[in-house]
Amino acid sequence: QKKDGSISLVETASELPTFAAFARSLGVTQVQ
């Protein structure tokens, strides 16, 4: 909601999932 009361739609990119992040979530390495 803007200051004037109108509503605006804002698009935000999701975080790009990576194998490094998945490995970290399991507590292992990408090599594993």
PDB file of all heavy atoms in Angstrom:
ATOM      1  N   GLN A   1       0.851  -1.193   0.000  1.00  0.00           N
ATOM      2  CA  GLN A   1       0.000   0.000   0.000  1.00  0.00           C
ATOM      3  C   GLN A   1       0.884   1.238   0.000  1.00  0.00           C
ATOM      4  O   GLN A   1       1.785   1.391   0.818  1.00  0.00           O
ATOM      5  CB  GLN A   1      -0.911   0.002   1.219  1.00  0.00           C
ATOM      6  CG  GLN A   1      -1.914   1.130   1.189  1.00  0.00           C
ATOM      7  CD  GLN A   1      -2.962   0.998   2.282  1.00  0.00           C
ATOM      8  OE1 GLN A   1      -2.861   0.135   3.145  1.00  0.00           O
ATOM      9  NE2 GLN A   1      -3.947   1.865   2.241  1.00  0.00           N
ATOM     10  N   LYS A   2       0.607   2.114  -0.956  1.00  0.00           N
ATOM     11  CA  LYS A   2       1.379   3.355  -1.071  1.00  0.00           C
ATOM     12  C   LYS A   2       0.838   4.389  -0.098  1.00  0.00           C
ATOM     13  O   LYS A   2      -0.218   4.211   0.505  1.00  0.00           O
ATOM     14  CB  LYS A   2       1.284   3.882  -2.505  1.00  0.00           C
ATOM     15  CG  LYS A   2       1.922   2.963  -3.530  1.00  0.00           C
ATOM     16  CD  LYS A   2       1.798   3.568  -4.914  1.00  0.00           C
ATOM     17  CE  LYS A   2       2.427   2.685  -5.959  1.00  0.00           C
ATOM     18  NZ  LYS A   2       2.306   3.267  -7.297  1.00  0.00           N
ATOM     19  N   LYS A   3       1.548   5.516   0.030  1.00  0.00           N
ATOM     20  CA  LYS A   3       1.133   6.580   0.939  1.00  0.00           C
ATOM     21  C   LYS A   3      -0.215   7.173   0.551  1.00  0.00           C
ATOM     22  O   LYS A   3      -0.976   7.599   1.400  1.00  0.00           O
ATOM     23  CB  LYS A   3       2.189   7.689   0.979  1.00  0.00           C
ATOM     24  CG  LYS A   3       3.453   7.266   1.677  1.00  0.00           C
ATOM     25  CD  LYS A   3       4.451   8.405   1.718  1.00  0.00           C
ATOM     26  CE  LYS A   3       5.727   7.969   2.396  1.00  0.00           C
ATOM     27  NZ  LYS A   3       6.723   9.021   2.461  1.00  0.00           N
ATOM     28  N   ASP A   4      -0.497   7.178  -0.759  1.00  0.00           N
ATOM     29  CA  ASP A   4      -1.769   7.753  -1.206  1.00  0.00           C
ATOM     30  C   ASP A   4      -2.941   6.787  -1.041  1.00  0.00           C
ATOM     31  O   ASP A   4      -4.069   7.095  -1.407  1.00  0.00           O
ATOM     32  CB  ASP A   4      -1.667   8.224  -2.655  1.00  0.00           C
ATOM     33  CG  ASP A   4      -1.424   7.079  -3.636  1.00  0.00           C
ATOM     34  OD1 ASP A   4      -1.320   5.907  -3.209  1.00  0.00           O
ATOM     35  OD2 ASP A   4      -1.327   7.368  -4.847  1.00  0.00           O
ATOM     36  N   GLY A   5      -2.675   5.582  -0.508  1.00  0.00           N
ATOM     37  CA  GLY A   5      -3.745   4.611  -0.270  1.00  0.00           C
ATOM     38  C   GLY A   5      -3.912   3.591  -1.385  1.00  0.00           C
ATOM     39  O   GLY A   5      -4.620   2.604  -1.207  1.00  0.00           O
ATOM     40  N   SER A   6      -3.310   3.822  -2.513  1.00  0.00           N
ATOM     41  CA  SER A   6      -3.436   2.859  -3.616  1.00  0.00           C
ATOM     42  C   SER A   6      -2.582   1.628  -3.333  1.00  0.00           C
ATOM     43  O   SER A   6      -1.630   1.664  -2.554  1.00  0.00           O
ATOM     44  CB  SER A   6      -3.017   3.510  -4.935  1.00  0.00           C
ATOM     45  OG  SER A   6      -1.656   3.848  -4.905  1.00  0.00           O
ATOM     46  N   ILE A   7      -2.949   0.542  -3.976  1.00  0.00           N
ATOM     47  CA  ILE A   7      -2.249  -0.732  -3.800  1.00  0.00           C
ATOM     48  C   ILE A   7      -1.393  -0.989  -5.034  1.00  0.00           C
ATOM     49  O   ILE A   7      -1.838  -0.826  -6.161  1.00  0.00           O
ATOM     50  CB  ILE A   7      -3.249  -1.892  -3.625  1.00  0.00           C
ATOM     51  CG1 ILE A   7      -4.194  -1.619  -2.455  1.00  0.00           C
ATOM     52  CG2 ILE A   7      -2.543  -3.220  -3.519  1.00  0.00           C
ATOM     53  CD1 ILE A   7      -3.779  -2.168  -1.139  1.00  0.00           C
ATOM     54  N   SER A   8      -0.177  -1.414  -4.794  1.00  0.00           N
ATOM     55  CA  SER A   8       0.743  -1.745  -5.874  1.00  0.00           C
ATOM     56  C   SER A   8       1.210  -3.187  -5.689  1.00  0.00           C
ATOM     57  O   SER A   8       1.377  -3.651  -4.560  1.00  0.00           O
ATOM     58  CB  SER A   8       1.941  -0.796  -5.827  1.00  0.00           C
ATOM     59  OG  SER A   8       2.895  -1.152  -6.774  1.00  0.00           O
ATOM     60  N   LEU A   9       1.409  -3.895  -6.780  1.00  0.00           N
ATOM     61  CA  LEU A   9       1.918  -5.259  -6.710  1.00  0.00           C
ATOM     62  C   LEU A   9       3.428  -5.231  -6.939  1.00  0.00           C
ATOM     63  O   LEU A   9       3.920  -4.631  -7.887  1.00  0.00           O
ATOM     64  CB  LEU A   9       1.256  -6.138  -7.771  1.00  0.00           C
ATOM     65  CG  LEU A   9      -0.248  -6.301  -7.646  1.00  0.00           C
ATOM     66  CD1 LEU A   9      -0.785  -7.156  -8.794  1.00  0.00           C
ATOM     67  CD2 LEU A   9      -0.626  -6.917  -6.319  1.00  0.00           C
ATOM     68  N   VAL A  10       4.159  -5.903  -6.051  1.00  0.00           N
ATOM     69  CA  VAL A  10       5.616  -5.951  -6.140  1.00  0.00           C
ATOM     70  C   VAL A  10       6.028  -7.406  -6.298  1.00  0.00           C
ATOM     71  O   VAL A  10       5.615  -8.269  -5.537  1.00  0.00           O
ATOM     72  CB  VAL A  10       6.275  -5.340  -4.882  1.00  0.00           C
ATOM     73  CG1 VAL A  10       7.783  -5.479  -4.941  1.00  0.00           C
ATOM     74  CG2 VAL A  10       5.869  -3.890  -4.721  1.00  0.00           C
ATOM     75  N   GLU A  11       6.842  -7.644  -7.322  1.00  0.00           N
ATOM     76  CA  GLU A  11       7.325  -8.998  -7.596  1.00  0.00           C
ATOM     77  C   GLU A  11       8.743  -9.137  -7.068  1.00  0.00           C
ATOM     78  O   GLU A  11       9.606  -8.312  -7.349  1.00  0.00           O
ATOM     79  CB  GLU A  11       7.298  -9.236  -9.109  1.00  0.00           C
ATOM     80  CG  GLU A  11       7.535 -10.654  -9.506  1.00  0.00           C
ATOM     81  CD  GLU A  11       7.337 -10.837 -10.987  1.00  0.00           C
ATOM     82  OE1 GLU A  11       6.184 -10.760 -11.466  1.00  0.00           O
ATOM     83  OE2 GLU A  11       8.355 -11.033 -11.679  1.00  0.00           O
ATOM     84  N   THR A  12       8.981 -10.208  -6.303  1.00  0.00           N
ATOM     85  CA  THR A  12      10.301 -10.464  -5.729  1.00  0.00           C
ATOM     86  C   THR A  12      10.737 -11.868  -6.103  1.00  0.00           C
ATOM     87  O   THR A  12       9.980 -12.822  -5.927  1.00  0.00           O
ATOM     88  CB  THR A  12      10.249 -10.357  -4.190  1.00  0.00           C
ATOM     89  OG1 THR A  12       9.660  -9.111  -3.830  1.00  0.00           O
ATOM     90  CG2 THR A  12      11.631 -10.468  -3.587  1.00  0.00           C
ATOM     91  N   ALA A  13      11.943 -11.990  -6.631  1.00  0.00           N
ATOM     92  CA  ALA A  13      12.483 -13.304  -6.999  1.00  0.00           C
ATOM     93  C   ALA A  13      12.714 -14.141  -5.748  1.00  0.00           C
ATOM     94  O   ALA A  13      13.173 -13.634  -4.725  1.00  0.00           O
ATOM     95  CB  ALA A  13      13.785 -13.139  -7.764  1.00  0.00           C
ATOM     96  N   SER A  14      12.376 -15.419  -5.839  1.00  0.00           N
ATOM     97  CA  SER A  14      12.690 -16.341  -4.750  1.00  0.00           C
ATOM     98  C   SER A  14      14.184 -16.588  -4.737  1.00  0.00           C
ATOM     99  O   SER A  14      14.867 -16.406  -5.750  1.00  0.00           O
ATOM    100  CB  SER A  14      11.975 -17.671  -4.955  1.00  0.00           C
ATOM    101  OG  SER A  14      10.587 -17.516  -4.914  1.00  0.00           O
ATOM    102  N   GLU A  15      14.686 -17.021  -3.607  1.00  0.00           N
ATOM    103  CA  GLU A  15      16.099 -17.366  -3.526  1.00  0.00           C
ATOM    104  C   GLU A  15      16.332 -18.585  -4.412  1.00  0.00           C
ATOM    105  O   GLU A  15      15.598 -19.570  -4.343  1.00  0.00           O
ATOM    106  CB  GLU A  15      16.458 -17.685  -2.078  1.00  0.00           C
ATOM    107  CG  GLU A  15      17.921 -17.909  -1.861  1.00  0.00           C
ATOM    108  CD  GLU A  15      18.260 -18.082  -0.390  1.00  0.00           C
ATOM    109  OE1 GLU A  15      17.709 -17.359   0.445  1.00  0.00           O
ATOM    110  OE2 GLU A  15      19.087 -18.955  -0.096  1.00  0.00           O
ATOM    111  N   LEU A  16      17.328 -18.512  -5.281  1.00  0.00           N
ATOM    112  CA  LEU A  16      17.632 -19.605  -6.194  1.00  0.00           C
ATOM    113  C   LEU A  16      18.196 -20.783  -5.401  1.00  0.00           C
ATOM    114  O   LEU A  16      19.242 -20.665  -4.771  1.00  0.00           O
ATOM    115  CB  LEU A  16      18.641 -19.152  -7.253  1.00  0.00           C
ATOM    116  CG  LEU A  16      18.987 -20.163  -8.336  1.00  0.00           C
ATOM    117  CD1 LEU A  16      17.777 -20.435  -9.221  1.00  0.00           C
ATOM    118  CD2 LEU A  16      20.135 -19.647  -9.192  1.00  0.00           C
ATOM    119  N   PRO A  17      17.495 -21.920  -5.388  1.00  0.00           N
ATOM    120  CA  PRO A  17      18.020 -23.068  -4.642  1.00  0.00           C
ATOM    121  C   PRO A  17      19.279 -23.620  -5.310  1.00  0.00           C
ATOM    122  O   PRO A  17      19.354 -23.681  -6.536  1.00  0.00           O
ATOM    123  CB  PRO A  17      16.878 -24.083  -4.675  1.00  0.00           C
ATOM    124  CG  PRO A  17      16.013 -23.678  -5.813  1.00  0.00           C
ATOM    125  CD  PRO A  17      16.230 -22.216  -6.043  1.00  0.00           C
ATOM    126  N   THR A  18      20.248 -23.999  -4.497  1.00  0.00           N
ATOM    127  CA  THR A  18      21.502 -24.538  -5.019  1.00  0.00           C
ATOM    128  C   THR A  18      21.826 -25.857  -4.308  1.00  0.00           C
ATOM    129  O   THR A  18      21.317 -26.138  -3.222  1.00  0.00           O
ATOM    130  CB  THR A  18      22.673 -23.565  -4.791  1.00  0.00           C
ATOM    131  OG1 THR A  18      22.847 -23.384  -3.373  1.00  0.00           O
ATOM    132  CG2 THR A  18      22.422 -22.228  -5.459  1.00  0.00           C
ATOM    133  N   PHE A  19      22.682 -26.637  -4.951  1.00  0.00           N
ATOM    134  CA  PHE A  19      23.108 -27.883  -4.336  1.00  0.00           C
ATOM    135  C   PHE A  19      23.968 -27.615  -3.105  1.00  0.00           C
ATOM    136  O   PHE A  19      23.963 -28.395  -2.158  1.00  0.00           O
ATOM    137  CB  PHE A  19      23.844 -28.755  -5.357  1.00  0.00           C
ATOM    138  CG  PHE A  19      22.903 -29.458  -6.295  1.00  0.00           C
ATOM    139  CD1 PHE A  19      22.452 -28.835  -7.442  1.00  0.00           C
ATOM    140  CD2 PHE A  19      22.435 -30.727  -6.007  1.00  0.00           C
ATOM    141  CE1 PHE A  19      21.567 -29.460  -8.293  1.00  0.00           C
ATOM    142  CE2 PHE A  19      21.550 -31.370  -6.854  1.00  0.00           C
ATOM    143  CZ  PHE A  19      21.108 -30.739  -8.002  1.00  0.00           C
ATOM    144  N   ALA A  20      24.688 -26.510  -3.106  1.00  0.00           N
ATOM    145  CA  ALA A  20      25.490 -26.146  -1.930  1.00  0.00           C
ATOM    146  C   ALA A  20      24.580 -25.898  -0.731  1.00  0.00           C
ATOM    147  O   ALA A  20      24.870 -26.338   0.379  1.00  0.00           O
ATOM    148  CB  ALA A  20      26.332 -24.914  -2.229  1.00  0.00           C
ATOM    149  N   ALA A  21      23.471 -25.192  -0.961  1.00  0.00           N
ATOM    150  CA  ALA A  21      22.534 -24.913   0.136  1.00  0.00           C
ATOM    151  C   ALA A  21      21.857 -26.192   0.610  1.00  0.00           C
ATOM    152  O   ALA A  21      21.650 -26.388   1.815  1.00  0.00           O
ATOM    153  CB  ALA A  21      21.498 -23.893  -0.308  1.00  0.00           C
ATOM    154  N   PHE A  22      21.519 -27.083  -0.331  1.00  0.00           N
ATOM    155  CA  PHE A  22      20.895 -28.354   0.069  1.00  0.00           C
ATOM    156  C   PHE A  22      21.880 -29.195   0.871  1.00  0.00           C
ATOM    157  O   PHE A  22      21.515 -29.767   1.898  1.00  0.00           O
ATOM    158  CB  PHE A  22      20.396 -29.127  -1.152  1.00  0.00           C
ATOM    159  CG  PHE A  22      19.767 -30.444  -0.787  1.00  0.00           C
ATOM    160  CD1 PHE A  22      18.538 -30.494  -0.150  1.00  0.00           C
ATOM    161  CD2 PHE A  22      20.420 -31.635  -1.063  1.00  0.00           C
ATOM    162  CE1 PHE A  22      17.965 -31.702   0.213  1.00  0.00           C
ATOM    163  CE2 PHE A  22      19.854 -32.853  -0.713  1.00  0.00           C
ATOM    164  CZ  PHE A  22      18.621 -32.891  -0.081  1.00  0.00           C
ATOM    165  N   ALA A  23      23.124 -29.256   0.425  1.00  0.00           N
ATOM    166  CA  ALA A  23      24.149 -30.012   1.160  1.00  0.00           C
ATOM    167  C   ALA A  23      24.302 -29.454   2.572  1.00  0.00           C
ATOM    168  O   ALA A  23      24.379 -30.213   3.542  1.00  0.00           O
ATOM    169  CB  ALA A  23      25.480 -29.964   0.414  1.00  0.00           C
ATOM    170  N   ARG A  24      24.330 -28.138   2.683  1.00  0.00           N
ATOM    171  CA  ARG A  24      24.453 -27.492   3.996  1.00  0.00           C
ATOM    172  C   ARG A  24      23.270 -27.850   4.884  1.00  0.00           C
ATOM    173  O   ARG A  24      23.421 -28.077   6.083  1.00  0.00           O
ATOM    174  CB  ARG A  24      24.591 -25.981   3.816  1.00  0.00           C
ATOM    175  CG  ARG A  24      24.906 -25.233   5.096  1.00  0.00           C
ATOM    176  CD  ARG A  24      25.188 -23.746   4.881  1.00  0.00           C
ATOM    177  NE  ARG A  24      24.149 -23.072   4.135  1.00  0.00           N
ATOM    178  CZ  ARG A  24      24.290 -22.553   2.918  1.00  0.00           C
ATOM    179  NH1 ARG A  24      25.430 -22.633   2.295  1.00  0.00           N
ATOM    180  NH2 ARG A  24      23.284 -21.949   2.317  1.00  0.00           N
ATOM    181  N   SER A  25      22.057 -27.940   4.303  1.00  0.00           N
ATOM    182  CA  SER A  25      20.871 -28.268   5.100  1.00  0.00           C
ATOM    183  C   SER A  25      20.938 -29.689   5.659  1.00  0.00           C
ATOM    184  O   SER A  25      20.359 -29.967   6.704  1.00  0.00           O
ATOM    185  CB  SER A  25      19.594 -28.079   4.273  1.00  0.00           C
ATOM    186  OG  SER A  25      19.429 -29.141   3.351  1.00  0.00           O
ATOM    187  N   LEU A  26      21.654 -30.574   4.957  1.00  0.00           N
ATOM    188  CA  LEU A  26      21.818 -31.946   5.452  1.00  0.00           C
ATOM    189  C   LEU A  26      23.046 -32.098   6.341  1.00  0.00           C
ATOM    190  O   LEU A  26      23.198 -33.107   7.025  1.00  0.00           O
ATOM    191  CB  LEU A  26      21.957 -32.923   4.276  1.00  0.00           C
ATOM    192  CG  LEU A  26      20.740 -33.170   3.411  1.00  0.00           C
ATOM    193  CD1 LEU A  26      21.079 -34.158   2.306  1.00  0.00           C
ATOM    194  CD2 LEU A  26      19.569 -33.676   4.228  1.00  0.00           C
ATOM    195  N   GLY A  27      23.940 -31.119   6.267  1.00  0.00           N
ATOM    196  CA  GLY A  27      25.181 -31.206   7.033  1.00  0.00           C
ATOM    197  C   GLY A  27      26.246 -32.015   6.315  1.00  0.00           C
ATOM    198  O   GLY A  27      27.092 -32.643   6.948  1.00  0.00           O
ATOM    199  N   VAL A  28      26.198 -32.017   4.975  1.00  0.00           N
ATOM    200  CA  VAL A  28      27.186 -32.735   4.171  1.00  0.00           C
ATOM    201  C   VAL A  28      27.811 -31.764   3.172  1.00  0.00           C
ATOM    202  O   VAL A  28      27.501 -30.581   3.186  1.00  0.00           O
ATOM    203  CB  VAL A  28      26.548 -33.936   3.421  1.00  0.00           C
ATOM    204  CG1 VAL A  28      25.984 -34.947   4.409  1.00  0.00           C
ATOM    205  CG2 VAL A  28      25.478 -33.492   2.452  1.00  0.00           C
ATOM    206  N   THR A  29      28.653 -32.282   2.302  1.00  0.00           N
ATOM    207  CA  THR A  29      29.295 -31.457   1.280  1.00  0.00           C
ATOM    208  C   THR A  29      28.713 -31.762  -0.093  1.00  0.00           C
ATOM    209  O   THR A  29      28.054 -32.781  -0.283  1.00  0.00           O
ATOM    210  CB  THR A  29      30.814 -31.723   1.233  1.00  0.00           C
ATOM    211  OG1 THR A  29      31.014 -33.089   0.832  1.00  0.00           O
ATOM    212  CG2 THR A  29      31.469 -31.464   2.576  1.00  0.00           C
ATOM    213  N   GLN A  30      28.995 -30.888  -1.048  1.00  0.00           N
ATOM    214  CA  GLN A  30      28.557 -31.127  -2.420  1.00  0.00           C
ATOM    215  C   GLN A  30      29.238 -32.368  -2.998  1.00  0.00           C
ATOM    216  O   GLN A  30      28.651 -33.070  -3.817  1.00  0.00           O
ATOM    217  CB  GLN A  30      28.876 -29.919  -3.301  1.00  0.00           C
ATOM    218  CG  GLN A  30      28.007 -28.719  -3.006  1.00  0.00           C
ATOM    219  CD  GLN A  30      28.275 -27.605  -3.990  1.00  0.00           C
ATOM    220  OE1 GLN A  30      27.868 -27.702  -5.136  1.00  0.00           O
ATOM    221  NE2 GLN A  30      28.953 -26.555  -3.536  1.00  0.00           N
ATOM    222  N   VAL A  31      30.440 -32.640  -2.565  1.00  0.00           N
ATOM    223  CA  VAL A  31      31.155 -33.832  -3.029  1.00  0.00           C
ATOM    224  C   VAL A  31      30.376 -35.081  -2.636  1.00  0.00           C
ATOM    225  O   VAL A  31      30.222 -36.011  -3.428  1.00  0.00           O
ATOM    226  CB  VAL A  31      32.596 -33.863  -2.452  1.00  0.00           C
ATOM    227  CG1 VAL A  31      33.279 -35.188  -2.748  1.00  0.00           C
ATOM    228  CG2 VAL A  31      33.404 -32.709  -2.988  1.00  0.00           C
ATOM    229  N   GLN A  32      29.858 -35.085  -1.421  1.00  0.00           N
ATOM    230  CA  GLN A  32      29.079 -36.244  -0.978  1.00  0.00           C
ATOM    231  C   GLN A  32      27.794 -36.377  -1.787  1.00  0.00           C
ATOM    232  O   GLN A  32      27.393 -37.483  -2.140  1.00  0.00           O
ATOM    233  CB  GLN A  32      28.775 -36.147   0.512  1.00  0.00           C
ATOM    234  CG  GLN A  32      28.240 -37.456   1.069  1.00  0.00           C
ATOM    235  CD  GLN A  32      28.258 -37.497   2.579  1.00  0.00           C
ATOM    236  OE1 GLN A  32      28.631 -36.535   3.238  1.00  0.00           O
ATOM    237  NE2 GLN A  32      27.843 -38.610   3.125  1.00  0.00           N
TER     238      GLN A  32
END
